[in-house]
Amino acid sequence: MLSFSGSIRVFLCVEPCDMRQSFNGLHDTVSTQLAEDPRSGTLFAFTNKRRSLLKILYWDGSGLWVLAKRLEKGTFSWPKGTDVSGGKLRLSATALAFLLDGIDMREGCRRPWYGIS
């Protein structure tokens, strides 16, 4: 489980991204598509078209991190592109934790695929 400070800024890139991208590609996406500074200490989350893979780009002050999570089944609860303008949606650190833990933010319950081990 990941834990981030409650004061950290989090942006979701609402449109699906090419998940073959890593450090440089995601850095460019943040700069050009989201019009944000990738080295600001903000978490930037991306997903694929199927919403089965999630990547997070994060600058910790000395370098970039790329974190990835692939679901074995099911999908992440992700907003549609028509829900926001500018291609990004700001979330709280708590909302990101919910998203990563399989909680559907629209329904307020766990996604059917979520299993407790």
PDB file of N, CA and C in Angstrom:
ATOM      1  N   MET A   1       0.840  -1.179   0.000  1.00  0.00           N
ATOM      2  CA  MET A   1       0.000   0.000   0.000  1.00  0.00           C
ATOM      3  C   MET A   1       0.878   1.234   0.000  1.00  0.00           C
ATOM      4  N   LEU A   2       0.491   2.204  -0.798  1.00  0.00           N
ATOM      5  CA  LEU A   2       1.192   3.475  -0.868  1.00  0.00           C
ATOM      6  C   LEU A   2       0.535   4.476   0.057  1.00  0.00           C
ATOM      7  N   SER A   3       1.348   5.365   0.597  1.00  0.00           N
ATOM      8  CA  SER A   3       0.813   6.400   1.465  1.00  0.00           C
ATOM      9  C   SER A   3       1.448   7.731   1.078  1.00  0.00           C
ATOM     10  N   PHE A   4       0.606   8.720   0.854  1.00  0.00           N
ATOM     11  CA  PHE A   4       1.081  10.052   0.498  1.00  0.00           C
ATOM     12  C   PHE A   4       0.533  11.058   1.496  1.00  0.00           C
ATOM     13  N   SER A   5       1.249  12.158   1.644  1.00  0.00           N
ATOM     14  CA  SER A   5       0.814  13.237   2.519  1.00  0.00           C
ATOM     15  C   SER A   5      -0.533  13.769   2.051  1.00  0.00           C
ATOM     16  N   GLY A   6      -1.376  14.140   2.987  1.00  0.00           N
ATOM     17  CA  GLY A   6      -2.682  14.691   2.647  1.00  0.00           C
ATOM     18  C   GLY A   6      -2.601  16.010   1.913  1.00  0.00           C
ATOM     19  N   SER A   7      -1.446  16.673   1.984  1.00  0.00           N
ATOM     20  CA  SER A   7      -1.301  17.971   1.327  1.00  0.00           C
ATOM     21  C   SER A   7      -0.765  17.860  -0.104  1.00  0.00           C
ATOM     22  N   ILE A   8      -0.447  16.659  -0.549  1.00  0.00           N
ATOM     23  CA  ILE A   8       0.109  16.499  -1.895  1.00  0.00           C
ATOM     24  C   ILE A   8      -0.976  16.732  -2.950  1.00  0.00           C
ATOM     25  N   ARG A   9      -0.590  17.384  -4.042  1.00  0.00           N
ATOM     26  CA  ARG A   9      -1.535  17.611  -5.144  1.00  0.00           C
ATOM     27  C   ARG A   9      -1.549  16.383  -6.043  1.00  0.00           C
ATOM     28  N   VAL A  10      -2.736  16.033  -6.525  1.00  0.00           N
ATOM     29  CA  VAL A  10      -2.909  14.865  -7.393  1.00  0.00           C
ATOM     30  C   VAL A  10      -3.756  15.280  -8.592  1.00  0.00           C
ATOM     31  N   PHE A  11      -3.290  14.953  -9.782  1.00  0.00           N
ATOM     32  CA  PHE A  11      -4.070  15.172 -10.998  1.00  0.00           C
ATOM     33  C   PHE A  11      -4.223  13.860 -11.746  1.00  0.00           C
ATOM     34  N   LEU A  12      -5.437  13.605 -12.229  1.00  0.00           N
ATOM     35  CA  LEU A  12      -5.682  12.487 -13.130  1.00  0.00           C
ATOM     36  C   LEU A  12      -5.697  13.030 -14.546  1.00  0.00           C
ATOM     37  N   CYS A  13      -5.009  12.363 -15.440  1.00  0.00           N
ATOM     38  CA  CYS A  13      -5.142  12.653 -16.862  1.00  0.00           C
ATOM     39  C   CYS A  13      -6.376  11.884 -17.312  1.00  0.00           C
ATOM     40  N   VAL A  14      -7.431  12.590 -17.642  1.00  0.00           N
ATOM     41  CA  VAL A  14      -8.726  11.959 -17.891  1.00  0.00           C
ATOM     42  C   VAL A  14      -8.719  11.108 -19.160  1.00  0.00           C
ATOM     43  N   GLU A  15      -8.046  11.577 -20.202  1.00  0.00           N
ATOM     44  CA  GLU A  15      -7.995  10.819 -21.457  1.00  0.00           C
ATOM     45  C   GLU A  15      -7.020   9.651 -21.328  1.00  0.00           C
ATOM     46  N   PRO A  16      -7.329   8.517 -21.943  1.00  0.00           N
ATOM     47  CA  PRO A  16      -6.409   7.369 -21.900  1.00  0.00           C
ATOM     48  C   PRO A  16      -5.065   7.720 -22.534  1.00  0.00           C
ATOM     49  N   CYS A  17      -4.006   7.105 -22.003  1.00  0.00           N
ATOM     50  CA  CYS A  17      -2.650   7.344 -22.495  1.00  0.00           C
ATOM     51  C   CYS A  17      -2.052   6.046 -23.028  1.00  0.00           C
ATOM     52  N   ASP A  18      -1.013   6.194 -23.813  1.00  0.00           N
ATOM     53  CA  ASP A  18      -0.246   5.055 -24.300  1.00  0.00           C
ATOM     54  C   ASP A  18       0.599   4.554 -23.130  1.00  0.00           C
ATOM     55  N   MET A  19       0.287   3.385 -22.615  1.00  0.00           N
ATOM     56  CA  MET A  19       0.970   2.881 -21.434  1.00  0.00           C
ATOM     57  C   MET A  19       2.367   2.345 -21.728  1.00  0.00           C
ATOM     58  N   ARG A  20       2.804   2.423 -22.987  1.00  0.00           N
ATOM     59  CA  ARG A  20       4.199   2.093 -23.285  1.00  0.00           C
ATOM     60  C   ARG A  20       5.109   3.238 -22.857  1.00  0.00           C
ATOM     61  N   GLN A  21       4.529   4.395 -22.587  1.00  0.00           N
ATOM     62  CA  GLN A  21       5.312   5.549 -22.145  1.00  0.00           C
ATOM     63  C   GLN A  21       5.888   5.283 -20.757  1.00  0.00           C
ATOM     64  N   SER A  22       7.061   5.832 -20.544  1.00  0.00           N
ATOM     65  CA  SER A  22       7.667   5.765 -19.218  1.00  0.00           C
ATOM     66  C   SER A  22       8.063   7.185 -18.816  1.00  0.00           C
ATOM     67  N   PHE A  23       9.232   7.354 -18.249  1.00  0.00           N
ATOM     68  CA  PHE A  23       9.643   8.642 -17.702  1.00  0.00           C
ATOM     69  C   PHE A  23       9.497   9.795 -18.693  1.00  0.00           C
ATOM     70  N   ASN A  24      10.169   9.703 -19.829  1.00  0.00           N
ATOM     71  CA  ASN A  24      10.184  10.817 -20.781  1.00  0.00           C
ATOM     72  C   ASN A  24       8.819  11.060 -21.409  1.00  0.00           C
ATOM     73  N   GLY A  25       8.137  10.005 -21.811  1.00  0.00           N
ATOM     74  CA  GLY A  25       6.830  10.157 -22.444  1.00  0.00           C
ATOM     75  C   GLY A  25       5.797  10.746 -21.505  1.00  0.00           C
ATOM     76  N   LEU A  26       5.756  10.256 -20.264  1.00  0.00           N
ATOM     77  CA  LEU A  26       4.801  10.788 -19.291  1.00  0.00           C
ATOM     78  C   LEU A  26       5.160  12.225 -18.913  1.00  0.00           C
ATOM     79  N   HIS A  27       6.461  12.513 -18.798  1.00  0.00           N
ATOM     80  CA  HIS A  27       6.929  13.877 -18.529  1.00  0.00           C
ATOM     81  C   HIS A  27       6.420  14.821 -19.615  1.00  0.00           C
ATOM     82  N   ASP A  28       6.555  14.419 -20.876  1.00  0.00           N
ATOM     83  CA  ASP A  28       6.073  15.244 -21.991  1.00  0.00           C
ATOM     84  C   ASP A  28       4.557  15.400 -21.967  1.00  0.00           C
ATOM     85  N   THR A  29       3.836  14.340 -21.623  1.00  0.00           N
ATOM     86  CA  THR A  29       2.374  14.408 -21.545  1.00  0.00           C
ATOM     87  C   THR A  29       1.933  15.416 -20.493  1.00  0.00           C
ATOM     88  N   VAL A  30       2.594  15.400 -19.339  1.00  0.00           N
ATOM     89  CA  VAL A  30       2.256  16.353 -18.277  1.00  0.00           C
ATOM     90  C   VAL A  30       2.518  17.780 -18.753  1.00  0.00           C
ATOM     91  N   SER A  31       3.656  17.995 -19.392  1.00  0.00           N
ATOM     92  CA  SER A  31       4.016  19.344 -19.849  1.00  0.00           C
ATOM     93  C   SER A  31       3.089  19.858 -20.940  1.00  0.00           C
ATOM     94  N   THR A  32       2.827  19.037 -21.949  1.00  0.00           N
ATOM     95  CA  THR A  32       2.089  19.514 -23.117  1.00  0.00           C
ATOM     96  C   THR A  32       0.578  19.347 -22.986  1.00  0.00           C
ATOM     97  N   GLN A  33       0.129  18.155 -22.631  1.00  0.00           N
ATOM     98  CA  GLN A  33      -1.311  17.888 -22.604  1.00  0.00           C
ATOM     99  C   GLN A  33      -1.992  18.464 -21.366  1.00  0.00           C
ATOM    100  N   LEU A  34      -1.326  18.363 -20.211  1.00  0.00           N
ATOM    101  CA  LEU A  34      -1.936  18.842 -18.966  1.00  0.00           C
ATOM    102  C   LEU A  34      -1.508  20.258 -18.599  1.00  0.00           C
ATOM    103  N   ALA A  35      -0.497  20.791 -19.278  1.00  0.00           N
ATOM    104  CA  ALA A  35       0.024  22.142 -19.023  1.00  0.00           C
ATOM    105  C   ALA A  35       0.416  22.332 -17.559  1.00  0.00           C
ATOM    106  N   GLU A  36       1.106  21.337 -17.009  1.00  0.00           N
ATOM    107  CA  GLU A  36       1.599  21.386 -15.631  1.00  0.00           C
ATOM    108  C   GLU A  36       3.102  21.137 -15.634  1.00  0.00           C
ATOM    109  N   ASP A  37       3.751  21.482 -14.527  1.00  0.00           N
ATOM    110  CA  ASP A  37       5.182  21.241 -14.367  1.00  0.00           C
ATOM    111  C   ASP A  37       5.376  19.859 -13.748  1.00  0.00           C
ATOM    112  N   PRO A  38       5.984  18.913 -14.470  1.00  0.00           N
ATOM    113  CA  PRO A  38       6.163  17.565 -13.932  1.00  0.00           C
ATOM    114  C   PRO A  38       7.088  17.511 -12.719  1.00  0.00           C
ATOM    115  N   ARG A  39       7.873  18.562 -12.505  1.00  0.00           N
ATOM    116  CA  ARG A  39       8.811  18.585 -11.379  1.00  0.00           C
ATOM    117  C   ARG A  39       8.295  19.428 -10.218  1.00  0.00           C
ATOM    118  N   SER A  40       6.996  19.533 -10.122  1.00  0.00           N
ATOM    119  CA  SER A  40       6.385  20.358  -9.077  1.00  0.00           C
ATOM    120  C   SER A  40       6.131  19.593  -7.781  1.00  0.00           C
ATOM    121  N   GLY A  41       6.350  18.280  -7.781  1.00  0.00           N
ATOM    122  CA  GLY A  41       6.040  17.483  -6.598  1.00  0.00           C
ATOM    123  C   GLY A  41       4.603  16.993  -6.582  1.00  0.00           C
ATOM    124  N   THR A  42       3.898  17.196  -7.687  1.00  0.00           N
ATOM    125  CA  THR A  42       2.514  16.747  -7.838  1.00  0.00           C
ATOM    126  C   THR A  42       2.506  15.323  -8.378  1.00  0.00           C
ATOM    127  N   LEU A  43       1.531  14.525  -7.953  1.00  0.00           N
ATOM    128  CA  LEU A  43       1.336  13.185  -8.518  1.00  0.00           C
ATOM    129  C   LEU A  43       0.456  13.308  -9.753  1.00  0.00           C
ATOM    130  N   PHE A  44       0.859  12.667 -10.836  1.00  0.00           N
ATOM    131  CA  PHE A  44       0.080  12.653 -12.070  1.00  0.00           C
ATOM    132  C   PHE A  44      -0.268  11.207 -12.390  1.00  0.00           C
ATOM    133  N   ALA A  45      -1.557  10.898 -12.468  1.00  0.00           N
ATOM    134  CA  ALA A  45      -2.015   9.528 -12.709  1.00  0.00           C
ATOM    135  C   ALA A  45      -2.565   9.394 -14.121  1.00  0.00           C
ATOM    136  N   PHE A  46      -2.254   8.264 -14.748  1.00  0.00           N
ATOM    137  CA  PHE A  46      -2.649   7.976 -16.125  1.00  0.00           C
ATOM    138  C   PHE A  46      -3.223   6.566 -16.187  1.00  0.00           C
ATOM    139  N   THR A  47      -4.100   6.331 -17.156  1.00  0.00           N
ATOM    140  CA  THR A  47      -4.629   4.988 -17.372  1.00  0.00           C
ATOM    141  C   THR A  47      -4.693   4.689 -18.866  1.00  0.00           C
ATOM    142  N   ASN A  48      -4.899   3.412 -19.180  1.00  0.00           N
ATOM    143  CA  ASN A  48      -5.058   2.995 -20.571  1.00  0.00           C
ATOM    144  C   ASN A  48      -6.536   3.015 -20.952  1.00  0.00           C
ATOM    145  N   LYS A  49      -6.849   2.679 -22.208  1.00  0.00           N
ATOM    146  CA  LYS A  49      -8.243   2.706 -22.671  1.00  0.00           C
ATOM    147  C   LYS A  49      -9.123   1.729 -21.902  1.00  0.00           C
ATOM    148  N   ARG A  50      -8.594   0.575 -21.560  1.00  0.00           N
ATOM    149  CA  ARG A  50      -9.382  -0.438 -20.847  1.00  0.00           C
ATOM    150  C   ARG A  50      -9.508  -0.138 -19.352  1.00  0.00           C
ATOM    151  N   ARG A  51      -8.738   0.825 -18.864  1.00  0.00           N
ATOM    152  CA  ARG A  51      -8.711   1.204 -17.443  1.00  0.00           C
ATOM    153  C   ARG A  51      -8.283   0.044 -16.541  1.00  0.00           C
ATOM    154  N   SER A  52      -7.416  -0.801 -17.070  1.00  0.00           N
ATOM    155  CA  SER A  52      -6.910  -1.935 -16.299  1.00  0.00           C
ATOM    156  C   SER A  52      -5.481  -1.699 -15.821  1.00  0.00           C
ATOM    157  N   LEU A  53      -4.872  -0.615 -16.272  1.00  0.00           N
ATOM    158  CA  LEU A  53      -3.498  -0.284 -15.920  1.00  0.00           C
ATOM    159  C   LEU A  53      -3.439   1.180 -15.515  1.00  0.00           C
ATOM    160  N   LEU A  54      -2.704   1.464 -14.453  1.00  0.00           N
ATOM    161  CA  LEU A  54      -2.568   2.829 -13.959  1.00  0.00           C
ATOM    162  C   LEU A  54      -1.092   3.115 -13.741  1.00  0.00           C
ATOM    163  N   LYS A  55      -0.646   4.284 -14.158  1.00  0.00           N
ATOM    164  CA  LYS A  55       0.723   4.733 -13.892  1.00  0.00           C
ATOM    165  C   LYS A  55       0.668   6.086 -13.216  1.00  0.00           C
ATOM    166  N   ILE A  56       1.603   6.294 -12.301  1.00  0.00           N
ATOM    167  CA  ILE A  56       1.731   7.567 -11.594  1.00  0.00           C
ATOM    168  C   ILE A  56       3.136   8.101 -11.822  1.00  0.00           C
ATOM    169  N   LEU A  57       3.222   9.362 -12.215  1.00  0.00           N
ATOM    170  CA  LEU A  57       4.498  10.052 -12.362  1.00  0.00           C
ATOM    171  C   LEU A  57       4.645  11.002 -11.179  1.00  0.00           C
ATOM    172  N   TYR A  58       5.817  10.951 -10.526  1.00  0.00           N
ATOM    173  CA  TYR A  58       6.026  11.768  -9.326  1.00  0.00           C
ATOM    174  C   TYR A  58       7.482  12.219  -9.262  1.00  0.00           C
ATOM    175  N   TRP A  59       7.679  13.491  -8.984  1.00  0.00           N
ATOM    176  CA  TRP A  59       9.016  14.070  -8.775  1.00  0.00           C
ATOM    177  C   TRP A  59       9.227  14.217  -7.279  1.00  0.00           C
ATOM    178  N   ASP A  60      10.270  13.574  -6.724  1.00  0.00           N
ATOM    179  CA  ASP A  60      10.495  13.615  -5.277  1.00  0.00           C
ATOM    180  C   ASP A  60      11.533  14.647  -4.854  1.00  0.00           C
ATOM    181  N   GLY A  61      12.004  15.459  -5.793  1.00  0.00           N
ATOM    182  CA  GLY A  61      12.998  16.477  -5.478  1.00  0.00           C
ATOM    183  C   GLY A  61      14.369  16.120  -6.008  1.00  0.00           C
ATOM    184  N   SER A  62      14.619  14.825  -6.231  1.00  0.00           N
ATOM    185  CA  SER A  62      15.911  14.419  -6.771  1.00  0.00           C
ATOM    186  C   SER A  62      15.783  13.595  -8.046  1.00  0.00           C
ATOM    187  N   GLY A  63      14.578  13.173  -8.372  1.00  0.00           N
ATOM    188  CA  GLY A  63      14.369  12.378  -9.585  1.00  0.00           C
ATOM    189  C   GLY A  63      12.908  12.017  -9.756  1.00  0.00           C
ATOM    190  N   LEU A  64      12.614  11.448 -10.918  1.00  0.00           N
ATOM    191  CA  LEU A  64      11.245  11.044 -11.230  1.00  0.00           C
ATOM    192  C   LEU A  64      10.994   9.598 -10.825  1.00  0.00           C
ATOM    193  N   TRP A  65       9.798   9.351 -10.335  1.00  0.00           N
ATOM    194  CA  TRP A  65       9.301   8.006 -10.049  1.00  0.00           C
ATOM    195  C   TRP A  65       8.199   7.699 -11.048  1.00  0.00           C
ATOM    196  N   VAL A  66       8.153   6.468 -11.518  1.00  0.00           N
ATOM    197  CA  VAL A  66       7.005   5.967 -12.263  1.00  0.00           C
ATOM    198  C   VAL A  66       6.518   4.735 -11.512  1.00  0.00           C
ATOM    199  N   LEU A  67       5.310   4.826 -10.995  1.00  0.00           N
ATOM    200  CA  LEU A  67       4.695   3.707 -10.285  1.00  0.00           C
ATOM    201  C   LEU A  67       3.608   3.138 -11.183  1.00  0.00           C
ATOM    202  N   ALA A  68       3.451   1.831 -11.190  1.00  0.00           N
ATOM    203  CA  ALA A  68       2.451   1.202 -12.056  1.00  0.00           C
ATOM    204  C   ALA A  68       1.668   0.150 -11.282  1.00  0.00           C
ATOM    205  N   LYS A  69       0.377   0.032 -11.619  1.00  0.00           N
ATOM    206  CA  LYS A  69      -0.473  -1.019 -11.058  1.00  0.00           C
ATOM    207  C   LYS A  69      -1.302  -1.593 -12.192  1.00  0.00           C
ATOM    208  N   ARG A  70      -1.227  -2.906 -12.361  1.00  0.00           N
ATOM    209  CA  ARG A  70      -2.023  -3.607 -13.364  1.00  0.00           C
ATOM    210  C   ARG A  70      -3.019  -4.496 -12.638  1.00  0.00           C
ATOM    211  N   LEU A  71      -4.281  -4.341 -12.974  1.00  0.00           N
ATOM    212  CA  LEU A  71      -5.314  -5.162 -12.363  1.00  0.00           C
ATOM    213  C   LEU A  71      -5.370  -6.519 -13.054  1.00  0.00           C
ATOM    214  N   GLU A  72      -5.529  -7.563 -12.270  1.00  0.00           N
ATOM    215  CA  GLU A  72      -5.687  -8.900 -12.831  1.00  0.00           C
ATOM    216  C   GLU A  72      -7.078  -9.078 -13.425  1.00  0.00           C
ATOM    217  N   LYS A  73      -8.068  -8.396 -12.841  1.00  0.00           N
ATOM    218  CA  LYS A  73      -9.419  -8.386 -13.402  1.00  0.00           C
ATOM    219  C   LYS A  73     -10.087  -7.090 -12.979  1.00  0.00           C
ATOM    220  N   GLY A  74     -11.109  -6.689 -13.724  1.00  0.00           N
ATOM    221  CA  GLY A  74     -11.830  -5.459 -13.410  1.00  0.00           C
ATOM    222  C   GLY A  74     -11.151  -4.223 -13.966  1.00  0.00           C
ATOM    223  N   THR A  75     -11.715  -3.069 -13.627  1.00  0.00           N
ATOM    224  CA  THR A  75     -11.210  -1.787 -14.113  1.00  0.00           C
ATOM    225  C   THR A  75     -11.199  -0.765 -12.983  1.00  0.00           C
ATOM    226  N   PHE A  76     -10.387   0.260 -13.170  1.00  0.00           N
ATOM    227  CA  PHE A  76     -10.382   1.383 -12.244  1.00  0.00           C
ATOM    228  C   PHE A  76     -11.601   2.256 -12.507  1.00  0.00           C
ATOM    229  N   SER A  77     -12.143   2.853 -11.463  1.00  0.00           N
ATOM    230  CA  SER A  77     -13.245   3.808 -11.594  1.00  0.00           C
ATOM    231  C   SER A  77     -12.636   5.127 -12.045  1.00  0.00           C
ATOM    232  N   TRP A  78     -12.827   5.470 -13.314  1.00  0.00           N
ATOM    233  CA  TRP A  78     -12.143   6.627 -13.902  1.00  0.00           C
ATOM    234  C   TRP A  78     -13.172   7.577 -14.484  1.00  0.00           C
ATOM    235  N   PRO A  79     -13.009   8.877 -14.289  1.00  0.00           N
ATOM    236  CA  PRO A  79     -13.974   9.823 -14.867  1.00  0.00           C
ATOM    237  C   PRO A  79     -13.887   9.843 -16.391  1.00  0.00           C
ATOM    238  N   LYS A  80     -14.978  10.166 -17.025  1.00  0.00           N
ATOM    239  CA  LYS A  80     -15.005  10.281 -18.484  1.00  0.00           C
ATOM    240  C   LYS A  80     -14.422  11.630 -18.901  1.00  0.00           C
ATOM    241  N   GLY A  81     -13.927  11.706 -20.121  1.00  0.00           N
ATOM    242  CA  GLY A  81     -13.328  12.935 -20.634  1.00  0.00           C
ATOM    243  C   GLY A  81     -14.284  14.107 -20.645  1.00  0.00           C
ATOM    244  N   THR A  82     -15.581  13.834 -20.696  1.00  0.00           N
ATOM    245  CA  THR A  82     -16.565  14.916 -20.723  1.00  0.00           C
ATOM    246  C   THR A  82     -16.844  15.470 -19.328  1.00  0.00           C
ATOM    247  N   ASP A  83     -16.335  14.806 -18.290  1.00  0.00           N
ATOM    248  CA  ASP A  83     -16.590  15.235 -16.917  1.00  0.00           C
ATOM    249  C   ASP A  83     -15.796  16.477 -16.518  1.00  0.00           C
ATOM    250  N   VAL A  84     -14.704  16.760 -17.224  1.00  0.00           N
ATOM    251  CA  VAL A  84     -13.814  17.863 -16.841  1.00  0.00           C
ATOM    252  C   VAL A  84     -13.326  18.600 -18.082  1.00  0.00           C
ATOM    253  N   SER A  85     -12.750  19.766 -17.850  1.00  0.00           N
ATOM    254  CA  SER A  85     -12.121  20.497 -18.952  1.00  0.00           C
ATOM    255  C   SER A  85     -10.619  20.537 -18.709  1.00  0.00           C
ATOM    256  N   GLY A  86      -9.857  20.720 -19.761  1.00  0.00           N
ATOM    257  CA  GLY A  86      -8.408  20.788 -19.623  1.00  0.00           C
ATOM    258  C   GLY A  86      -7.735  19.438 -19.586  1.00  0.00           C
ATOM    259  N   GLY A  87      -8.495  18.361 -19.670  1.00  0.00           N
ATOM    260  CA  GLY A  87      -7.914  17.027 -19.714  1.00  0.00           C
ATOM    261  C   GLY A  87      -7.422  16.489 -18.393  1.00  0.00           C
ATOM    262  N   LYS A  88      -7.653  17.228 -17.309  1.00  0.00           N
ATOM    263  CA  LYS A  88      -7.168  16.764 -16.006  1.00  0.00           C
ATOM    264  C   LYS A  88      -8.225  17.004 -14.943  1.00  0.00           C
ATOM    265  N   LEU A  89      -8.137  16.214 -13.905  1.00  0.00           N
ATOM    266  CA  LEU A  89      -9.053  16.322 -12.776  1.00  0.00           C
ATOM    267  C   LEU A  89      -8.224  16.296 -11.506  1.00  0.00           C
ATOM    268  N   ARG A  90      -8.440  17.264 -10.636  1.00  0.00           N
ATOM    269  CA  ARG A  90      -7.696  17.305  -9.374  1.00  0.00           C
ATOM    270  C   ARG A  90      -8.393  16.428  -8.345  1.00  0.00           C
ATOM    271  N   LEU A  91      -7.603  15.625  -7.643  1.00  0.00           N
ATOM    272  CA  LEU A  91      -8.098  14.739  -6.590  1.00  0.00           C
ATOM    273  C   LEU A  91      -7.355  15.011  -5.299  1.00  0.00           C
ATOM    274  N   SER A  92      -7.954  14.622  -4.197  1.00  0.00           N
ATOM    275  CA  SER A  92      -7.245  14.629  -2.918  1.00  0.00           C
ATOM    276  C   SER A  92      -6.428  13.341  -2.828  1.00  0.00           C
ATOM    277  N   ALA A  93      -5.463  13.315  -1.926  1.00  0.00           N
ATOM    278  CA  ALA A  93      -4.677  12.100  -1.712  1.00  0.00           C
ATOM    279  C   ALA A  93      -5.580  10.962  -1.249  1.00  0.00           C
ATOM    280  N   THR A  94      -6.608  11.285  -0.472  1.00  0.00           N
ATOM    281  CA  THR A  94      -7.560  10.272  -0.007  1.00  0.00           C
ATOM    282  C   THR A  94      -8.332   9.682  -1.174  1.00  0.00           C
ATOM    283  N   ALA A  95      -8.771  10.528  -2.105  1.00  0.00           N
ATOM    284  CA  ALA A  95      -9.505  10.040  -3.280  1.00  0.00           C
ATOM    285  C   ALA A  95      -8.617   9.145  -4.139  1.00  0.00           C
ATOM    286  N   LEU A  96      -7.327   9.480  -4.258  1.00  0.00           N
ATOM    287  CA  LEU A  96      -6.406   8.619  -4.999  1.00  0.00           C
ATOM    288  C   LEU A  96      -6.279   7.267  -4.308  1.00  0.00           C
ATOM    289  N   ALA A  97      -6.173   7.272  -2.989  1.00  0.00           N
ATOM    290  CA  ALA A  97      -6.093   6.009  -2.243  1.00  0.00           C
ATOM    291  C   ALA A  97      -7.345   5.171  -2.475  1.00  0.00           C
ATOM    292  N   PHE A  98      -8.507   5.805  -2.476  1.00  0.00           N
ATOM    293  CA  PHE A  98      -9.757   5.089  -2.771  1.00  0.00           C
ATOM    294  C   PHE A  98      -9.701   4.468  -4.164  1.00  0.00           C
ATOM    295  N   LEU A  99      -9.264   5.249  -5.135  1.00  0.00           N
ATOM    296  CA  LEU A  99      -9.166   4.770  -6.509  1.00  0.00           C
ATOM    297  C   LEU A  99      -8.253   3.545  -6.595  1.00  0.00           C
ATOM    298  N   LEU A 100      -7.085   3.624  -5.959  1.00  0.00           N
ATOM    299  CA  LEU A 100      -6.130   2.518  -5.989  1.00  0.00           C
ATOM    300  C   LEU A 100      -6.632   1.295  -5.232  1.00  0.00           C
ATOM    301  N   ASP A 101      -7.478   1.513  -4.227  1.00  0.00           N
ATOM    302  CA  ASP A 101      -8.007   0.408  -3.423  1.00  0.00           C
ATOM    303  C   ASP A 101      -9.311  -0.159  -3.962  1.00  0.00           C
ATOM    304  N   GLY A 102      -9.734   0.308  -5.131  1.00  0.00           N
ATOM    305  CA  GLY A 102     -10.904  -0.285  -5.762  1.00  0.00           C
ATOM    306  C   GLY A 102     -12.231   0.294  -5.351  1.00  0.00           C
ATOM    307  N   ILE A 103     -12.234   1.469  -4.765  1.00  0.00           N
ATOM    308  CA  ILE A 103     -13.494   2.084  -4.361  1.00  0.00           C
ATOM    309  C   ILE A 103     -14.000   2.965  -5.494  1.00  0.00           C
ATOM    310  N   ASP A 104     -15.220   2.709  -5.920  1.00  0.00           N
ATOM    311  CA  ASP A 104     -15.854   3.491  -6.976  1.00  0.00           C
ATOM    312  C   ASP A 104     -16.317   4.799  -6.357  1.00  0.00           C
ATOM    313  N   MET A 105     -15.726   5.899  -6.776  1.00  0.00           N
ATOM    314  CA  MET A 105     -16.022   7.187  -6.153  1.00  0.00           C
ATOM    315  C   MET A 105     -17.425   7.688  -6.485  1.00  0.00           C
ATOM    316  N   ARG A 106     -18.010   7.210  -7.571  1.00  0.00           N
ATOM    317  CA  ARG A 106     -19.380   7.615  -7.907  1.00  0.00           C
ATOM    318  C   ARG A 106     -20.395   6.850  -7.063  1.00  0.00           C
ATOM    319  N   GLU A 107     -20.111   5.582  -6.785  1.00  0.00           N
ATOM    320  CA  GLU A 107     -21.046   4.728  -6.050  1.00  0.00           C
ATOM    321  C   GLU A 107     -20.759   4.695  -4.547  1.00  0.00           C
ATOM    322  N   GLY A 108     -19.518   4.997  -4.172  1.00  0.00           N
ATOM    323  CA  GLY A 108     -19.156   4.967  -2.759  1.00  0.00           C
ATOM    324  C   GLY A 108     -18.988   3.561  -2.212  1.00  0.00           C
ATOM    325  N   CYS A 109     -18.700   2.592  -3.085  1.00  0.00           N
ATOM    326  CA  CYS A 109     -18.499   1.214  -2.630  1.00  0.00           C
ATOM    327  C   CYS A 109     -17.361   0.591  -3.429  1.00  0.00           C
ATOM    328  N   ARG A 110     -16.909  -0.559  -2.953  1.00  0.00           N
ATOM    329  CA  ARG A 110     -15.819  -1.248  -3.637  1.00  0.00           C
ATOM    330  C   ARG A 110     -16.289  -1.833  -4.951  1.00  0.00           C
ATOM    331  N   ARG A 111     -15.381  -1.836  -5.916  1.00  0.00           N
ATOM    332  CA  ARG A 111     -15.674  -2.438  -7.207  1.00  0.00           C
ATOM    333  C   ARG A 111     -15.818  -3.949  -7.016  1.00  0.00           C
ATOM    334  N   PRO A 112     -16.602  -4.625  -7.857  1.00  0.00           N
ATOM    335  CA  PRO A 112     -16.821  -6.066  -7.695  1.00  0.00           C
ATOM    336  C   PRO A 112     -15.540  -6.898  -7.733  1.00  0.00           C
ATOM    337  N   TRP A 113     -14.506  -6.430  -8.431  1.00  0.00           N
ATOM    338  CA  TRP A 113     -13.277  -7.199  -8.550  1.00  0.00           C
ATOM    339  C   TRP A 113     -12.424  -7.158  -7.299  1.00  0.00           C
ATOM    340  N   TYR A 114     -12.687  -6.195  -6.415  1.00  0.00           N
ATOM    341  CA  TYR A 114     -11.803  -6.002  -5.275  1.00  0.00           C
ATOM    342  C   TYR A 114     -11.935  -7.165  -4.305  1.00  0.00           C
ATOM    343  N   GLY A 115     -10.823  -7.796  -4.001  1.00  0.00           N
ATOM    344  CA  GLY A 115     -10.824  -8.912  -3.055  1.00  0.00           C
ATOM    345  C   GLY A 115      -9.881  -8.633  -1.907  1.00  0.00           C
ATOM    346  N   ILE A 116     -10.267  -9.032  -0.743  1.00  0.00           N
ATOM    347  CA  ILE A 116      -9.412  -8.857   0.434  1.00  0.00           C
ATOM    348  C   ILE A 116      -8.641 -10.146   0.642  1.00  0.00           C
ATOM    349  N   SER A 117      -7.315 -10.024   0.716  1.00  0.00           N
ATOM    350  CA  SER A 117      -6.505 -11.229   0.898  1.00  0.00           C
ATOM    351  C   SER A 117      -6.022 -11.358   2.319  1.00  0.00           C
TER     352      SER A 117
END
